[in-house]
Protein backbone atom coordinates (compact mmCIF):
# COMPACT_ATOMS: atom_id res chain seq x y z
CA UNK A 1 16.75 17.22 1.14
CA UNK A 2 18.98 19.99 3.25
CA UNK A 3 20.33 23.01 1.85
CA UNK A 4 23.56 21.80 2.06
CA UNK A 5 22.96 18.59 0.25
CA UNK A 6 20.74 20.25 -2.67
CA UNK A 7 24.07 22.38 -3.16
CA UNK A 8 26.53 19.41 -3.45
CA UNK A 9 24.21 18.39 -6.20
CA UNK A 10 24.22 21.85 -8.13
CA UNK A 11 27.67 21.44 -8.47
CA UNK A 12 27.23 17.78 -9.43
CA UNK A 13 25.14 19.57 -12.42
CA UNK A 14 27.83 22.01 -13.06
CA UNK A 15 31.24 20.32 -12.68
CA UNK A 16 30.71 17.48 -14.60
CA UNK A 17 32.16 15.07 -12.63
CA UNK A 18 33.36 12.10 -15.09
CA UNK A 19 32.76 8.58 -14.26
CA UNK A 20 35.29 6.02 -14.14
CA UNK A 21 34.65 4.57 -17.14
CA UNK A 22 34.46 7.44 -18.95
CA UNK A 23 38.14 8.91 -17.74
CA UNK A 24 39.22 7.53 -21.06
CA UNK A 25 37.31 9.77 -22.92
CA UNK A 26 37.67 13.29 -21.37
CA UNK A 27 38.52 15.63 -24.34
CA UNK A 28 39.72 18.62 -23.19
CA UNK A 29 39.46 21.44 -25.45
CA UNK A 30 43.12 22.29 -26.16
CA UNK A 31 43.00 18.63 -27.47
CA UNK A 32 39.99 19.21 -29.35
CA UNK A 33 41.34 22.40 -31.18
CA UNK A 34 45.18 20.87 -31.67
CA UNK A 35 42.59 17.38 -33.07
CA UNK A 36 41.37 20.01 -35.49
CA UNK A 37 44.17 21.58 -36.39
CA UNK A 38 45.95 18.09 -37.36
CA UNK A 39 42.60 16.52 -39.71
CA UNK A 40 40.51 19.18 -39.95
CA UNK A 41 39.24 17.98 -43.31
CA UNK A 42 38.83 21.07 -45.02
CA UNK A 43 42.61 22.08 -43.40
CA UNK A 44 43.44 20.01 -45.49
CA UNK A 45 42.55 20.42 -48.47
CA UNK A 46 44.15 23.55 -47.99
CA UNK A 47 47.62 21.89 -49.39
CA UNK A 48 45.87 21.54 -52.95
CA UNK A 49 45.45 25.15 -53.16
CA UNK A 50 49.09 25.94 -51.82
CA UNK A 51 50.76 23.43 -54.76
CA UNK A 52 48.26 25.23 -57.20
CA UNK A 53 49.13 28.74 -56.57
CA UNK A 54 53.03 27.63 -56.36
CA UNK A 55 52.33 26.15 -60.02
CA UNK A 56 50.94 28.97 -60.94
CA UNK A 57 53.62 30.76 -60.07
CA UNK A 58 55.89 28.61 -61.59
CA UNK A 59 53.62 29.31 -64.65
CA UNK A 60 54.13 32.45 -65.13
CA UNK A 61 58.05 32.96 -65.10
CA UNK A 62 57.33 30.99 -68.51
CA UNK A 63 58.64 32.68 -71.99
CA UNK A 64 56.80 32.48 -74.20
CA UNK A 65 57.57 29.29 -76.80
CA UNK A 66 59.62 30.15 -80.21
CA UNK A 67 57.27 29.93 -83.15
CA UNK A 68 58.95 28.45 -86.53
CA UNK A 69 57.63 29.60 -89.75
CA UNK A 70 58.30 27.86 -93.25
CA UNK A 71 57.09 29.27 -96.41
CA UNK A 72 57.46 29.22 -100.38
CA UNK A 73 56.82 32.22 -102.95
CA UNK A 74 57.00 32.42 -106.70
CA UNK A 75 56.25 28.89 -107.59
CA UNK A 76 53.34 27.79 -109.21
CA UNK A 77 52.06 31.17 -111.00
CA UNK A 78 52.04 32.00 -115.13
CA UNK A 79 54.46 32.86 -117.49
CA UNK A 80 57.81 32.28 -115.89
CA UNK A 81 56.97 31.47 -112.71
CA UNK A 82 54.86 28.10 -113.57
CA UNK A 83 57.27 25.76 -112.31
CA UNK A 84 60.00 25.99 -109.04
CA UNK A 85 62.11 27.04 -111.54
CA UNK A 86 62.33 30.48 -108.79
CA UNK A 87 60.56 29.00 -106.31
CA UNK A 88 62.24 30.77 -103.21
CA UNK A 89 62.06 28.83 -99.73
CA UNK A 90 62.23 30.65 -96.05
CA UNK A 91 62.77 29.19 -92.72
CA UNK A 92 62.91 31.47 -89.91
CA UNK A 93 62.44 30.89 -86.08
CA UNK A 94 60.57 33.98 -84.39
CA UNK A 95 60.29 34.96 -81.05
CA UNK A 96 58.06 37.23 -78.91
CA UNK A 97 59.58 39.74 -76.48
CA UNK A 98 57.86 40.38 -73.63
CA UNK A 99 59.91 43.73 -72.40
CA UNK A 100 59.17 43.26 -68.61
CA UNK A 101 55.49 41.24 -69.10
CA UNK A 102 57.00 38.10 -67.34
CA UNK A 103 58.41 40.52 -64.74
CA UNK A 104 55.44 41.79 -63.89
CA UNK A 105 53.37 38.52 -64.39
CA UNK A 106 55.21 36.43 -62.16
CA UNK A 107 54.95 39.37 -59.27
CA UNK A 108 50.78 38.96 -59.24
CA UNK A 109 51.59 35.77 -59.18
CA UNK A 110 53.97 35.48 -56.88
CA UNK A 111 51.69 37.98 -54.35
CA UNK A 112 48.99 35.92 -54.57
CA UNK A 113 51.35 33.24 -53.60
CA UNK A 114 52.19 35.02 -50.30
CA UNK A 115 48.91 35.96 -49.44
CA UNK A 116 47.79 32.01 -48.92
CA UNK A 117 49.92 31.74 -45.96
CA UNK A 118 47.01 34.49 -43.96
CA UNK A 119 44.35 33.05 -45.55
CA UNK A 120 45.67 29.85 -44.31
CA UNK A 121 45.49 31.58 -41.27
CA UNK A 122 42.66 32.82 -40.98
CA UNK A 123 41.22 29.11 -42.09
CA UNK A 124 42.88 27.81 -39.12
CA UNK A 125 41.44 30.53 -36.67
CA UNK A 126 38.48 29.85 -38.18
CA UNK A 127 38.71 25.77 -37.68
CA UNK A 128 39.79 26.49 -33.82
CA UNK A 129 37.11 29.06 -33.56
CA UNK A 130 34.37 26.55 -34.74
CA UNK A 131 35.74 23.57 -32.27
CA UNK A 132 35.49 25.38 -29.51
CA UNK A 133 32.43 26.84 -30.31
CA UNK A 134 31.58 22.62 -30.41
CA UNK A 135 32.71 22.20 -26.89
CA UNK A 136 31.04 24.49 -25.72
CA UNK A 137 28.07 23.57 -26.72
CA UNK A 138 29.03 19.60 -25.55
CA UNK A 139 29.65 20.86 -22.20
CA UNK A 140 26.89 22.90 -21.54
CA UNK A 141 24.09 20.43 -23.13
CA UNK A 142 26.56 17.94 -20.74
CA UNK A 143 25.22 19.46 -18.03
CA UNK A 144 21.95 20.25 -19.02
CA UNK A 145 21.65 16.15 -19.24
CA UNK A 146 22.54 16.33 -15.26
CA UNK A 147 20.35 18.71 -14.03
CA UNK A 148 17.55 17.22 -16.40
CA UNK A 149 18.47 13.89 -15.24
CA UNK A 150 18.10 15.05 -11.58
CA UNK A 151 15.21 17.15 -12.51
CA UNK A 152 13.71 13.25 -13.45
CA UNK A 153 14.69 12.44 -9.96
CA UNK A 154 12.99 15.00 -8.29
CA UNK A 155 9.87 15.09 -9.82
CA UNK A 156 9.97 10.98 -8.71
CA UNK A 157 10.63 11.77 -5.36
CA UNK A 158 7.22 13.70 -5.65
CA UNK A 159 5.08 10.99 -7.23
CA UNK A 160 6.33 8.88 -4.75
CA UNK A 161 5.46 11.47 -1.76
CA UNK A 162 1.92 12.36 -3.80
CA UNK A 163 1.36 8.54 -3.27
CA UNK A 164 1.66 8.03 0.35
CA UNK A 165 -0.44 11.91 0.42
CA UNK A 166 -3.17 9.89 -1.08
CA UNK A 167 -2.86 6.25 0.89
CA UNK A 168 -3.15 8.30 4.09
CA UNK A 169 -6.17 10.81 2.98
CA UNK A 170 -4.07 14.00 3.14
CA UNK A 171 -4.65 14.57 -0.77
CA UNK A 172 -6.95 13.60 -3.53
CA UNK A 173 -5.94 11.23 -6.69
CA UNK A 174 -5.66 14.14 -8.78
CA UNK A 175 -2.74 14.86 -7.07
CA UNK A 176 -0.58 11.42 -7.62
CA UNK A 177 -1.92 12.13 -12.05
CA UNK A 178 -0.59 15.71 -12.06
CA UNK A 179 3.18 14.03 -10.49
CA UNK A 180 2.70 11.09 -12.74
CA UNK A 181 2.33 13.82 -15.74
CA UNK A 182 5.26 15.97 -14.44
CA UNK A 183 7.81 12.53 -13.88
CA UNK A 184 6.91 11.76 -17.60
CA UNK A 185 7.25 15.34 -19.06
CA UNK A 186 10.67 15.09 -16.98
CA UNK A 187 11.48 12.37 -18.53
CA UNK A 188 10.79 13.21 -22.17
CA UNK A 189 13.63 16.98 -21.66
CA UNK A 190 15.95 14.28 -20.34
CA UNK A 191 15.34 11.44 -23.53
CA UNK A 192 15.85 15.57 -25.41
CA UNK A 193 18.94 16.47 -24.08
CA UNK A 194 20.52 12.87 -24.33
CA UNK A 195 19.49 13.26 -27.89
CA UNK A 196 20.64 16.74 -28.32
CA UNK A 197 24.57 15.94 -26.39
CA UNK A 198 24.57 13.07 -29.34
CA UNK A 199 24.31 14.31 -32.11
CA UNK A 200 26.35 17.77 -30.50
CA UNK A 201 29.55 15.18 -29.84
CA UNK A 202 29.07 14.08 -33.58
CA UNK A 203 29.35 17.11 -34.20
CA UNK A 204 32.27 18.26 -32.23
CA UNK A 205 34.17 14.84 -33.31
CA UNK A 206 33.44 16.16 -37.74
CA UNK A 207 35.69 19.06 -36.79
CA UNK A 208 39.14 16.29 -37.09
CA UNK A 209 36.80 14.14 -39.58
CA UNK A 210 35.29 11.37 -36.89
CA UNK A 211 32.75 9.82 -37.82
CA UNK A 212 31.99 6.40 -35.81
CA UNK A 213 29.72 6.76 -33.23
CA UNK A 214 31.12 9.31 -29.71
CA UNK A 215 28.42 8.41 -28.10
CA UNK A 216 30.94 8.49 -24.23
CA UNK A 217 33.04 11.35 -26.04
CA UNK A 218 33.43 13.77 -22.29
CA UNK A 219 33.69 17.02 -23.03
CA UNK A 220 36.21 18.75 -19.97
CA UNK A 221 36.04 21.66 -18.10
CA UNK A 222 35.04 23.30 -15.39
CA UNK A 223 31.19 25.49 -16.98
CA UNK A 224 31.37 27.83 -13.99
CA UNK A 225 35.45 29.09 -14.74
CA UNK A 226 34.14 32.40 -16.88
CA UNK A 227 36.56 33.11 -19.12
CA UNK A 228 37.73 36.11 -18.57
CA UNK A 229 39.54 39.06 -21.04
CA UNK A 230 41.48 42.25 -21.61
CA UNK A 231 39.84 45.27 -21.12
CA UNK A 232 38.06 46.48 -23.93
CA UNK A 233 41.42 49.57 -24.80
CA UNK A 234 43.99 46.39 -25.04
CA UNK A 235 41.62 44.18 -26.80
CA UNK A 236 41.14 47.55 -29.36
CA UNK A 237 44.97 47.37 -29.85
CA UNK A 238 44.84 43.47 -30.66
CA UNK A 239 42.19 43.91 -33.70
CA UNK A 240 45.32 44.52 -35.76
CA UNK A 241 46.10 40.59 -35.24
CA UNK A 242 42.92 39.80 -37.05
CA UNK A 243 43.60 37.61 -39.86
CA UNK A 244 40.42 39.13 -41.74
CA UNK A 245 42.45 42.29 -41.56
CA UNK A 246 45.96 40.76 -42.68
CA UNK A 247 43.86 39.27 -46.04
CA UNK A 248 43.74 43.30 -46.84
CA UNK A 249 46.96 43.84 -46.28
CA UNK A 250 48.24 40.45 -48.55
CA UNK A 251 45.04 41.56 -51.22
CA UNK A 252 46.39 45.28 -51.72
CA UNK A 253 49.78 44.31 -52.83
CA UNK A 254 47.65 41.42 -55.80
CA UNK A 255 46.34 44.04 -56.30
CA UNK A 256 48.86 46.56 -56.58
CA UNK A 257 51.11 43.47 -58.89
CA UNK A 258 47.36 43.29 -61.31
CA UNK A 259 47.90 47.55 -61.47
CA UNK A 260 51.74 46.80 -62.72
CA UNK A 261 51.23 44.15 -64.77
CA UNK A 262 47.95 45.95 -66.65
CA UNK A 263 50.69 49.39 -67.14
CA UNK A 264 53.14 47.04 -68.86
CA UNK A 265 50.68 45.39 -70.36
CA UNK A 266 50.47 49.26 -71.99
CA UNK A 267 53.78 48.61 -74.24
CA UNK A 268 53.07 46.10 -77.32
CA UNK A 269 55.40 43.27 -77.14
CA UNK A 270 58.12 43.17 -80.22
CA UNK A 271 58.12 40.25 -82.12
CA UNK A 272 62.28 39.26 -83.98
CA UNK A 273 62.51 36.56 -86.14
CA UNK A 274 65.41 35.09 -88.41
CA UNK A 275 65.97 32.89 -90.43
CA UNK A 276 67.47 32.09 -94.43
CA UNK A 277 65.71 32.01 -97.47
CA UNK A 278 66.52 29.12 -100.53
CA UNK A 279 66.37 31.10 -103.43
CA UNK A 280 65.89 27.27 -105.82
CA UNK A 281 67.41 29.74 -109.21
CA UNK A 282 71.08 29.32 -108.62
CA UNK A 283 70.57 27.66 -105.37
CA UNK A 284 71.14 30.05 -103.30
CA UNK A 285 71.39 30.82 -99.43
CA UNK A 286 70.21 34.13 -98.07
CA UNK A 287 69.47 35.21 -94.65
CA UNK A 288 66.79 36.79 -93.49
CA UNK A 289 65.55 38.39 -90.07
CA UNK A 290 62.31 41.07 -88.95
CA UNK A 291 61.18 43.07 -86.45
CA UNK A 292 57.87 43.66 -85.74
CA UNK A 293 56.47 45.77 -83.47
CA UNK A 294 52.46 46.81 -83.41
CA UNK A 295 51.43 49.78 -83.28
CA UNK A 296 48.93 50.75 -80.22
CA UNK A 297 47.32 54.04 -81.06
CA UNK A 298 44.57 52.57 -80.71
CA UNK A 299 44.39 49.78 -77.38
CA UNK A 300 47.06 51.38 -74.83
CA UNK A 301 45.11 49.27 -72.28
CA UNK A 302 43.80 52.24 -70.43
CA UNK A 303 40.27 50.12 -69.66
CA UNK A 304 41.94 47.42 -67.77
CA UNK A 305 44.42 50.19 -66.08
CA UNK A 306 41.80 52.26 -65.13
CA UNK A 307 39.33 48.98 -63.45
CA UNK A 308 43.25 48.23 -61.47
CA UNK A 309 43.40 51.30 -59.94
CA UNK A 310 39.71 51.38 -59.52
CA UNK A 311 40.50 48.30 -57.13
CA UNK A 312 43.90 49.00 -55.66
CA UNK A 313 41.49 52.31 -54.19
CA UNK A 314 38.58 50.12 -53.07
CA UNK A 315 41.10 47.44 -50.70
CA UNK A 316 41.84 50.79 -48.51
CA UNK A 317 38.46 51.56 -48.88
CA UNK A 318 36.94 47.42 -47.69
CA UNK A 319 39.88 47.83 -44.84
CA UNK A 320 38.20 50.41 -43.61
CA UNK A 321 34.94 49.41 -43.00
CA UNK A 322 36.25 46.28 -41.92
CA UNK A 323 37.44 47.52 -39.36
CA UNK A 324 35.26 49.27 -37.58
CA UNK A 325 32.48 46.44 -37.98
CA UNK A 326 35.40 44.08 -36.08
CA UNK A 327 35.92 46.87 -33.88
CA UNK A 328 31.90 47.48 -33.54
CA UNK A 329 31.44 44.34 -32.80
CA UNK A 330 34.08 43.92 -30.81
CA UNK A 331 32.67 46.16 -28.14
CA UNK A 332 29.10 44.16 -28.50
CA UNK A 333 30.38 40.80 -27.79
CA UNK A 334 32.06 42.07 -24.39
CA UNK A 335 29.35 43.56 -23.01
CA UNK A 336 27.79 40.19 -23.11
CA UNK A 337 30.71 38.59 -21.89
CA UNK A 338 30.49 41.01 -19.15
CA UNK A 339 26.34 40.66 -18.92
CA UNK A 340 27.22 36.58 -19.09
CA UNK A 341 29.11 37.05 -16.08
CA UNK A 342 27.06 39.49 -13.94
CA UNK A 343 23.75 36.86 -14.53
CA UNK A 344 25.65 34.32 -13.42
CA UNK A 345 26.96 36.26 -10.36
CA UNK A 346 23.30 37.26 -8.81
CA UNK A 347 22.41 33.47 -9.98
CA UNK A 348 24.95 32.25 -7.99
CA UNK A 349 24.65 34.96 -4.70
CA UNK A 350 20.67 35.38 -4.91
CA UNK A 351 18.40 33.67 -7.15
CA UNK A 352 19.53 30.23 -6.57
CA UNK A 353 20.14 29.89 -2.77
CA UNK A 354 16.89 31.78 -1.85
CA UNK A 355 15.24 29.44 -4.08
CA UNK A 356 16.41 26.44 -2.53
CA UNK A 357 15.54 27.34 0.47
CA UNK A 358 12.26 28.20 -0.84
CA UNK A 359 11.75 24.65 -2.47
CA UNK A 360 12.96 22.98 1.17
CA UNK A 361 10.49 24.95 3.23
CA UNK A 362 7.49 24.14 0.35
CA UNK A 363 8.71 20.09 0.52
CA UNK A 364 8.40 20.85 4.83
CA UNK A 365 5.33 22.16 4.63
CA UNK A 366 3.90 19.86 1.79
CA UNK A 367 4.50 16.62 4.07
CA UNK A 368 2.96 18.61 6.81
CA UNK A 369 -0.22 19.31 4.19
CA UNK A 370 0.28 22.89 4.33
CA UNK A 371 0.79 23.10 0.86
CA UNK A 372 -0.75 21.28 -1.62
CA UNK A 373 1.18 19.43 -5.34
CA UNK A 374 0.66 22.96 -7.36
CA UNK A 375 2.64 25.33 -4.56
CA UNK A 376 5.76 21.99 -4.33
CA UNK A 377 5.56 21.63 -8.50
CA UNK A 378 6.27 25.44 -8.72
CA UNK A 379 8.80 25.66 -6.54
CA UNK A 380 10.52 22.82 -7.72
CA UNK A 381 10.59 24.33 -11.34
CA UNK A 382 11.52 27.18 -9.69
CA UNK A 383 15.21 25.95 -8.35
CA UNK A 384 14.94 23.78 -12.28
CA UNK A 385 14.97 26.63 -14.39
CA UNK A 386 17.29 29.05 -12.00
CA UNK A 387 19.56 26.66 -12.27
CA UNK A 388 19.07 26.01 -16.36
CA UNK A 389 19.52 29.76 -16.78
CA UNK A 390 22.98 29.51 -14.54
CA UNK A 391 23.99 26.37 -17.60
CA UNK A 392 23.12 28.64 -20.22
CA UNK A 393 24.27 32.23 -18.89
CA UNK A 394 27.69 30.44 -17.89
CA UNK A 395 28.11 28.58 -21.51
CA UNK A 396 27.11 32.18 -23.49
CA UNK A 397 29.83 33.72 -21.26
CA UNK A 398 32.70 30.73 -23.13
CA UNK A 399 31.20 31.42 -26.28
CA UNK A 400 31.67 35.17 -26.33
CA UNK A 401 34.92 34.78 -25.09
CA UNK A 402 35.63 33.00 -28.02
CA UNK A 403 34.59 34.94 -30.44
CA UNK A 404 36.19 37.47 -28.41
CA UNK A 405 39.41 36.10 -29.34
CA UNK A 406 38.44 35.45 -33.16
CA UNK A 407 38.62 38.59 -33.59
CA UNK A 408 41.66 39.66 -31.83
CA UNK A 409 43.30 36.82 -34.35
CA UNK A 410 43.25 34.27 -30.94
CA UNK A 411 45.71 36.62 -28.73
CA UNK A 412 43.18 36.06 -25.94
CA UNK A 413 45.23 32.28 -25.66
CA UNK A 414 41.29 30.41 -25.82
CA UNK A 415 41.74 29.73 -29.91
CA UNK A 416 45.48 27.75 -28.92
CA UNK A 417 46.99 30.81 -31.12
CA UNK A 418 50.59 28.60 -30.87
CA UNK A 419 48.59 26.40 -33.36
CA UNK A 420 46.88 28.99 -35.10
CA UNK A 421 50.26 30.92 -35.75
CA UNK A 422 51.42 27.95 -37.50
C-alpha cells in the first residue's frame, strides 16, 4: 500500500462519507437540534408549568369571599327569655379588607410567571447543548467504527501475508497464530464499536422522543473541521447572556416581591360587616354594622420580613459566586479547546504521516523477510493508535466548543441560538 493510498483511507475514515443507501438518513447538527427543540419530551412538559403559573397568578388576584353570619340571641333562657318572645335574629355580611395585600400577592405571582421565560430559555439551551453533545458523540463513534473496520482489513491482510511466509518456510507457524489472534481481537473491537454506536444513535434520537430503531441514522459532518471560538475577552463579555446568570435577575424580582408581600402582611387586615337585626318583641328591624381591627402589638410579621430580607441579599451573593464559577469554567474550556487544536494539528502534520511511512517501510521489510511479525504488528498498532487519538482529539474539540457556547448563552452559534432564543 502506498503512502498516498494510506492517506486516502485515513480521510475516508475521518470524513465519514455515506453510502447511497444512507443518504436519506443523514442528519446534520442543525437538524438534530431543531428536532430536539420541537419535540423534546422535557420541553413539552414546560407548557404545563406555564399553565400552572398563569393559574396561580389569577388565583392571587382574587379577593377573599364574603362571609354570611346568622345569629340568634335572647331565647331559651330563664325568666322572660324562656321562650322566643325576646328573640333577636341578626343577619350580617362580612368582608375582609386586605389593604394592599392582594396587590403584593399578585406581584409575587406575576414575578414567578415572568421568570418562566428565562427558565424556558435555559431549558431550551440545555436541550440544544445535550443534543449537540450526543450528535458529536455519534460523529466520533462513526469515525471510530470506520477505523476499527480498517483495522480488521489490515489484520486480515497481515494474516494472509503471514500464511504466505509460513508456506514458503520464511516464518514459523507461531507467526500465523499471532496474526490470527490479532484478527480476532480486531473483529471484537469493531463489534464493540458497532454496539456503542447503536446505543449512541438511540440516545441522540431520544432527544426528540424517538424510541424506535435508528440503526440507519447517520450524523453528517466533517469531524476534522474543527470549531473555533472568539478570544477570551470577547467571550467574557458574552457571559451576561448565560441563562444561569439571567435566572438571578428573575429570582431577584421574585425575592423583592416576596419581601414587599411580607411587609404588607405586617399590616393587619380589617373586617367590615353589615346586616339587619330582627326583634321578635314588636317585630322591629334595625341595621347593624361592625369593624374588626386586629391588634398586632405581639406579631408584626418581623420574622418573615427578616427571612425575606436575607433571601434578597442571598441572591446577589449567589449571583457573584455563579459568575466567578462560569468565568473560571469558560477559561478552562477555552484552554482545552486550544489544546485539542494543537493535538490535531500535531497528529496530522507529523505523527500520522511518520507512523504511516514507518508502517510502509516495515511492511516492505517484512515481505522481504528482514523483519518479523512483531515489528509489523507494532508499526500497524502505532498508526491505528495515532488515528484513534486524532478522532478523540477532534471529537473533544467539538465538545469543548459546545460547552463554551453553552456558557455564553448560545451566542457562538453552535447551538442554533435562533431557536433557543424563542
